[in-house]
Amino acid sequence: MNIGVISTKEKAGRSGSVMQQAADLLIARGHQVEMIYPDAQCNDVAAIANQHDLYLLKAGTETALGYAGLLHGLGARILNPYPTVVLMKDKILSTQVLQRAGVPLPETFFAGKAEQLTGLLKDGPLVVKPFWGASQGRGVQMVHSERDLESLTTTDLFFAQRLHKPDGRDYKLYVIGEKVFGVRRVWPPVTLEDKLGEAFEVSDEMKQICLACGKAFGIDLFGLDIITSDGKPYVVDINTFPGFKGVPEAASLLADYLANYSN
C-alpha cells in the first residue's frame, strides 16, 4: 500500500510522534509512506494528482485542507474523509450533528457581536472559543461578566458554550477502530509528563458517548475532550486526527488500523 501523510514539518518532526512511529512500522511491513507538507511549499493546483492508495489528513491548517480538498475532487481516498473533516471543524455545524445524536454537550450559542451574548450571563458564565478547528486552548476566553464581554477579541463570529466547572482533570478519549482509550490530563500541560497524562479505564458511559460521536460522523478514528461537572459528562471538543499521546502501544495500534483500513 502507498500512503501519503498530509502533515506539517513541525508536527512530523516532534520527538515521540505517534504518527511517525506508526509510519516507520508500516514501512517495516513493506508499505510505502510519503510525508506531504503543503504548508512548506507553493502548491500548483494543476500539478496536484491522486498518486497514493490512501491519504491521511493529519494537519488541520487551511493549506492542508485546501490540498486535501483538491485530492477529494480527484477521487482520492482520504482518512478521515475530507467532507467529514470540514464538518467536524465547524463547531456550529458539528454541534448540531452531535445534539441530534444525543451526545451530552454544554448549551451552545453563536453571535456576530459580543454584546449579543449579554443576556446569556444571567444563567451563568460562558466560554468563548474559535468556531473553526480544534481550539486546543488557543483563543479560549472565559466570560463571567459584561466587562469580560467587552474585552473579547476575535476576527470571526463569537462561538459560546455554557461554562461548567470541571470536577477534576480533563478526560481525553481516543478511538481507534472499535477500541476506546482514555487519558486524564491537566490543562494547560507544562511538562512532558503532563502531556502524556495518566491512562484510565474508560467507563461504559464514556465509551457509549465516543461511539455515538463516531456513528454521527461515520468515522472510527478520532479524539474527544470530555469534562465532568457535578458528575455529569460534557463533550467540549472533538479532534479529527489526534496525537494519541498517552495511549499504550498507540503507534502499533494505529499502524494495524491503517493497514486494515486499506483492505
Protein backbone atom coordinates (compact mmCIF):
# COMPACT_ATOMS: atom_id res chain seq x y z
CA MET A 1 0.00 0.00 0.00
CA ASN A 2 1.16 3.50 -0.86
CA ILE A 3 0.21 6.08 1.80
CA GLY A 4 0.52 9.85 1.68
CA VAL A 5 0.51 11.67 5.03
CA ILE A 6 -0.62 15.29 4.79
CA SER A 7 1.11 16.91 7.74
CA THR A 8 3.33 19.80 8.79
CA LYS A 9 7.09 19.57 9.26
CA GLU A 10 6.65 20.85 12.79
CA LYS A 11 4.33 18.00 13.75
CA ALA A 12 6.20 15.31 11.86
CA GLY A 13 9.50 16.31 13.43
CA ARG A 14 8.31 16.22 17.03
CA SER A 15 10.08 13.79 19.30
CA GLY A 16 7.88 10.82 20.14
CA SER A 17 5.37 11.50 17.33
CA VAL A 18 2.97 8.55 17.27
CA MET A 19 2.25 9.15 13.58
CA GLN A 20 5.94 8.98 12.69
CA GLN A 21 6.37 5.81 14.73
CA ALA A 22 3.34 4.27 13.00
CA ALA A 23 4.78 5.28 9.61
CA ASP A 24 8.07 3.56 10.48
CA LEU A 25 6.18 0.39 11.41
CA LEU A 26 4.23 0.46 8.15
CA ILE A 27 7.45 0.90 6.15
CA ALA A 28 9.00 -2.02 8.00
CA ARG A 29 5.99 -4.12 6.95
CA GLY A 30 6.57 -3.31 3.29
CA HIS A 31 4.23 -0.36 2.81
CA GLN A 32 5.29 2.94 1.24
CA VAL A 33 4.76 6.13 3.23
CA GLU A 34 5.38 9.63 1.90
CA MET A 35 5.14 12.73 4.07
CA ILE A 36 3.44 15.64 2.28
CA TYR A 37 3.90 19.19 3.61
CA PRO A 38 1.57 21.61 1.77
CA ASP A 39 2.46 24.45 4.19
CA ALA A 40 6.16 24.23 3.33
CA GLN A 41 5.77 24.96 -0.38
CA CYS A 42 3.88 26.81 -3.08
CA ASN A 43 1.27 24.37 -4.37
CA ASP A 44 0.37 24.28 -8.07
CA VAL A 45 -3.32 23.38 -8.30
CA ALA A 46 -2.88 21.81 -11.73
CA ALA A 47 0.05 19.68 -10.56
CA ILE A 48 -1.70 18.02 -7.61
CA ALA A 49 -2.56 14.44 -8.54
CA ASN A 50 -4.04 11.37 -6.84
CA GLN A 51 -0.88 9.26 -6.57
CA HIS A 52 -1.45 7.24 -3.39
CA ASP A 53 -3.76 4.43 -2.35
CA LEU A 54 -4.65 6.29 0.83
CA TYR A 55 -4.06 9.78 2.22
CA LEU A 56 -4.02 10.62 5.92
CA LEU A 57 -5.20 14.13 6.68
CA LYS A 58 -3.11 14.73 9.80
CA ALA A 59 -2.67 18.51 9.58
CA GLY A 60 -5.56 20.90 10.15
CA THR A 61 -4.14 24.05 8.57
CA GLU A 62 -6.04 25.86 5.84
CA THR A 63 -3.30 24.95 3.35
CA ALA A 64 -3.52 21.26 4.24
CA LEU A 65 -7.32 21.34 3.99
CA GLY A 66 -7.11 23.03 0.60
CA TYR A 67 -4.68 20.36 -0.58
CA ALA A 68 -6.95 17.60 0.71
CA GLY A 69 -9.97 19.24 -0.89
CA LEU A 70 -8.29 19.12 -4.29
CA LEU A 71 -7.41 15.46 -3.77
CA HIS A 72 -11.02 14.78 -2.76
CA GLY A 73 -12.14 16.34 -6.03
CA LEU A 74 -9.81 13.92 -7.84
CA GLY A 75 -11.43 10.93 -6.14
CA ALA A 76 -8.63 10.26 -3.65
CA ARG A 77 -9.27 8.06 -0.64
CA ILE A 78 -8.69 10.20 2.45
CA LEU A 79 -8.75 9.37 6.15
CA ASN A 80 -10.70 10.94 7.63
CA PRO A 81 -12.83 11.87 4.58
CA TYR A 82 -12.40 15.49 3.57
CA PRO A 83 -16.12 16.48 3.80
CA THR A 84 -16.32 14.91 7.27
CA VAL A 85 -13.22 16.75 8.49
CA VAL A 86 -14.60 20.08 7.26
CA LEU A 87 -17.92 19.37 9.02
CA MET A 88 -16.19 18.42 12.27
CA LYS A 89 -14.00 21.53 12.24
CA ASP A 90 -17.05 23.78 12.04
CA LYS A 91 -18.14 23.85 15.68
CA ILE A 92 -21.57 25.25 14.84
CA LEU A 93 -22.48 22.51 12.37
CA SER A 94 -20.77 19.75 14.34
CA THR A 95 -22.68 20.80 17.46
CA GLN A 96 -25.94 20.24 15.62
CA VAL A 97 -24.78 16.80 14.44
CA LEU A 98 -23.84 15.79 17.98
CA GLN A 99 -27.01 17.22 19.52
CA ARG A 100 -29.10 15.15 17.12
CA ALA A 101 -27.11 12.08 18.11
CA GLY A 102 -27.94 12.65 21.77
CA VAL A 103 -24.35 13.43 22.79
CA PRO A 104 -24.16 15.45 26.06
CA LEU A 105 -22.95 18.97 25.25
CA PRO A 106 -22.95 22.32 27.05
CA GLU A 107 -25.59 24.77 25.87
CA THR A 108 -24.17 26.30 22.68
CA PHE A 109 -24.68 29.70 21.07
CA PHE A 110 -23.16 31.91 18.38
CA ALA A 111 -23.44 35.58 17.58
CA GLY A 112 -21.98 38.22 15.30
CA LYS A 113 -21.29 40.68 18.13
CA ALA A 114 -20.03 40.10 21.66
CA GLU A 115 -22.77 42.23 23.24
CA GLN A 116 -25.39 39.89 21.81
CA LEU A 117 -24.24 37.30 24.37
CA THR A 118 -25.03 39.60 27.33
CA GLY A 119 -28.43 38.11 28.11
CA LEU A 120 -26.94 34.64 28.48
CA LEU A 121 -24.87 35.66 31.52
CA LYS A 122 -27.90 35.69 33.80
CA ASP A 123 -27.82 31.89 33.69
CA GLY A 124 -24.10 31.60 34.38
CA PRO A 125 -20.65 32.14 32.83
CA LEU A 126 -19.66 31.26 29.28
CA VAL A 127 -16.59 30.02 27.48
CA VAL A 128 -15.96 31.62 24.09
CA LYS A 129 -13.72 29.82 21.62
CA PRO A 130 -12.91 29.88 17.89
CA PHE A 131 -15.76 28.29 15.97
CA TRP A 132 -13.42 26.72 13.40
CA GLY A 133 -10.98 23.93 14.09
CA ALA A 134 -9.79 22.25 17.28
CA SER A 135 -9.10 25.07 19.73
CA GLN A 136 -6.58 23.13 21.89
CA GLY A 137 -6.82 26.04 24.31
CA ARG A 138 -5.93 28.67 21.70
CA GLY A 139 -8.24 31.67 21.69
CA VAL A 140 -10.41 30.27 24.50
CA GLN A 141 -11.78 33.05 26.73
CA MET A 142 -13.83 32.74 29.92
CA VAL A 143 -16.69 35.20 30.30
CA HIS A 144 -18.16 35.88 33.74
CA SER A 145 -19.38 39.46 33.31
CA GLU A 146 -20.28 42.16 30.80
CA ARG A 147 -16.80 43.60 31.34
CA ASP A 148 -15.35 40.28 30.15
CA LEU A 149 -17.55 40.51 27.06
CA GLU A 150 -16.18 43.95 26.27
CA SER A 151 -12.64 42.58 26.23
CA LEU A 152 -13.39 39.69 23.87
CA THR A 153 -11.34 39.63 20.71
CA THR A 154 -11.97 37.58 17.59
CA THR A 155 -11.83 38.05 13.83
CA ASP A 156 -14.70 35.58 13.39
CA LEU A 157 -18.13 35.24 14.91
CA PHE A 158 -18.49 34.54 18.62
CA PHE A 159 -19.00 30.86 19.46
CA ALA A 160 -20.00 30.38 23.08
CA GLN A 161 -20.85 27.48 25.36
CA ARG A 162 -22.10 27.36 28.89
CA LEU A 163 -19.14 27.10 31.27
CA HIS A 164 -19.30 24.13 33.62
CA LYS A 165 -16.73 23.88 36.40
CA PRO A 166 -14.83 20.59 35.92
CA ASP A 167 -14.78 18.08 38.76
CA GLY A 168 -11.08 17.50 38.11
CA ARG A 169 -8.68 16.85 35.26
CA ASP A 170 -9.95 16.67 31.67
CA TYR A 171 -10.72 13.34 30.06
CA LYS A 172 -9.07 12.73 26.69
CA LEU A 173 -10.78 9.91 24.81
CA TYR A 174 -9.19 8.31 21.76
CA VAL A 175 -10.94 5.98 19.33
CA ILE A 176 -9.01 3.61 17.07
CA GLY A 177 -11.41 1.32 15.27
CA GLU A 178 -13.59 -0.38 17.88
CA LYS A 179 -11.20 0.41 20.74
CA VAL A 180 -11.60 3.37 23.08
CA PHE A 181 -8.75 4.64 25.24
CA GLY A 182 -8.75 7.24 28.00
CA VAL A 183 -6.10 9.61 29.34
CA ARG A 184 -6.58 12.25 32.05
CA ARG A 185 -4.56 15.43 31.70
CA VAL A 186 -4.07 18.71 33.47
CA TRP A 187 -4.60 21.88 31.45
CA PRO A 188 -2.56 23.64 30.36
CA PRO A 189 0.17 20.97 30.19
CA VAL A 190 3.65 22.15 31.13
CA THR A 191 5.88 19.08 31.28
CA LEU A 192 6.10 16.04 29.01
CA GLU A 193 4.53 14.09 31.85
CA ASP A 194 1.57 16.48 31.77
CA LYS A 195 1.18 15.94 28.03
CA LEU A 196 1.27 12.16 28.36
CA GLY A 197 -1.23 12.27 31.18
CA GLU A 198 -2.46 9.27 33.11
CA ALA A 199 -4.31 6.40 31.45
CA PHE A 200 -7.64 5.40 32.98
CA GLU A 201 -10.22 2.70 32.37
CA VAL A 202 -12.97 4.16 30.22
CA SER A 203 -16.43 3.78 31.74
CA ASP A 204 -19.29 2.29 29.75
CA GLU A 205 -20.98 5.72 29.74
CA MET A 206 -17.99 7.47 28.19
CA LYS A 207 -17.45 4.63 25.75
CA GLN A 208 -21.03 4.97 24.55
CA ILE A 209 -20.55 8.73 24.14
CA CYS A 210 -17.48 8.10 21.97
CA LEU A 211 -19.24 5.52 19.83
CA ALA A 212 -22.26 7.83 19.41
CA CYS A 213 -19.93 10.60 18.18
CA GLY A 214 -18.22 8.24 15.76
CA LYS A 215 -21.53 6.96 14.43
CA ALA A 216 -22.84 10.51 13.99
CA PHE A 217 -19.90 11.41 11.72
CA GLY A 218 -19.38 7.94 10.21
CA ILE A 219 -15.78 7.59 11.46
CA ASP A 220 -13.85 5.43 13.92
CA LEU A 221 -10.53 7.29 14.23
CA PHE A 222 -10.78 10.49 16.28
CA GLY A 223 -10.41 12.07 19.71
CA LEU A 224 -12.77 13.69 22.19
CA ASP A 225 -12.32 16.07 25.12
CA ILE A 226 -14.78 15.42 27.92
CA ILE A 227 -15.20 17.12 31.27
CA THR A 228 -17.44 16.08 34.12
CA SER A 229 -19.24 18.69 36.20
CA ASP A 230 -21.22 17.57 39.24
CA GLY A 231 -20.73 14.07 37.91
CA LYS A 232 -22.31 14.79 34.51
CA PRO A 233 -20.16 14.39 31.36
CA TYR A 234 -19.97 17.05 28.64
CA VAL A 235 -18.17 16.80 25.30
CA VAL A 236 -16.26 20.06 24.88
CA ASP A 237 -14.06 19.37 21.83
CA ILE A 238 -13.52 16.85 19.04
CA ASN A 239 -10.33 16.15 17.11
CA THR A 240 -10.35 14.63 13.64
CA PHE A 241 -6.86 13.10 13.90
CA PRO A 242 -5.36 13.41 17.40
CA GLY A 243 -1.81 12.65 18.51
CA PHE A 244 -2.83 9.68 20.71
CA LYS A 245 -0.35 10.74 23.41
CA GLY A 246 -0.51 8.51 26.46
CA VAL A 247 -2.27 5.63 24.67
CA PRO A 248 -0.40 2.35 25.33
CA GLU A 249 1.10 0.89 22.13
CA ALA A 250 -0.51 3.72 20.16
CA ALA A 251 1.87 3.51 17.18
CA SER A 252 1.32 -0.22 16.74
CA LEU A 253 -2.46 0.13 17.09
CA LEU A 254 -2.52 2.96 14.56
CA ALA A 255 -0.33 1.04 12.10
CA ASP A 256 -2.59 -2.01 12.39
CA TYR A 257 -5.67 0.14 11.87
CA LEU A 258 -4.24 1.81 8.76
CA ALA A 259 -3.09 -1.48 7.26
CA ASN A 260 -6.54 -2.99 7.80
CA TYR A 261 -8.30 0.17 6.61
CA SER A 262 -6.72 -0.21 3.21
CA ASN A 263 -8.38 -3.58 2.87
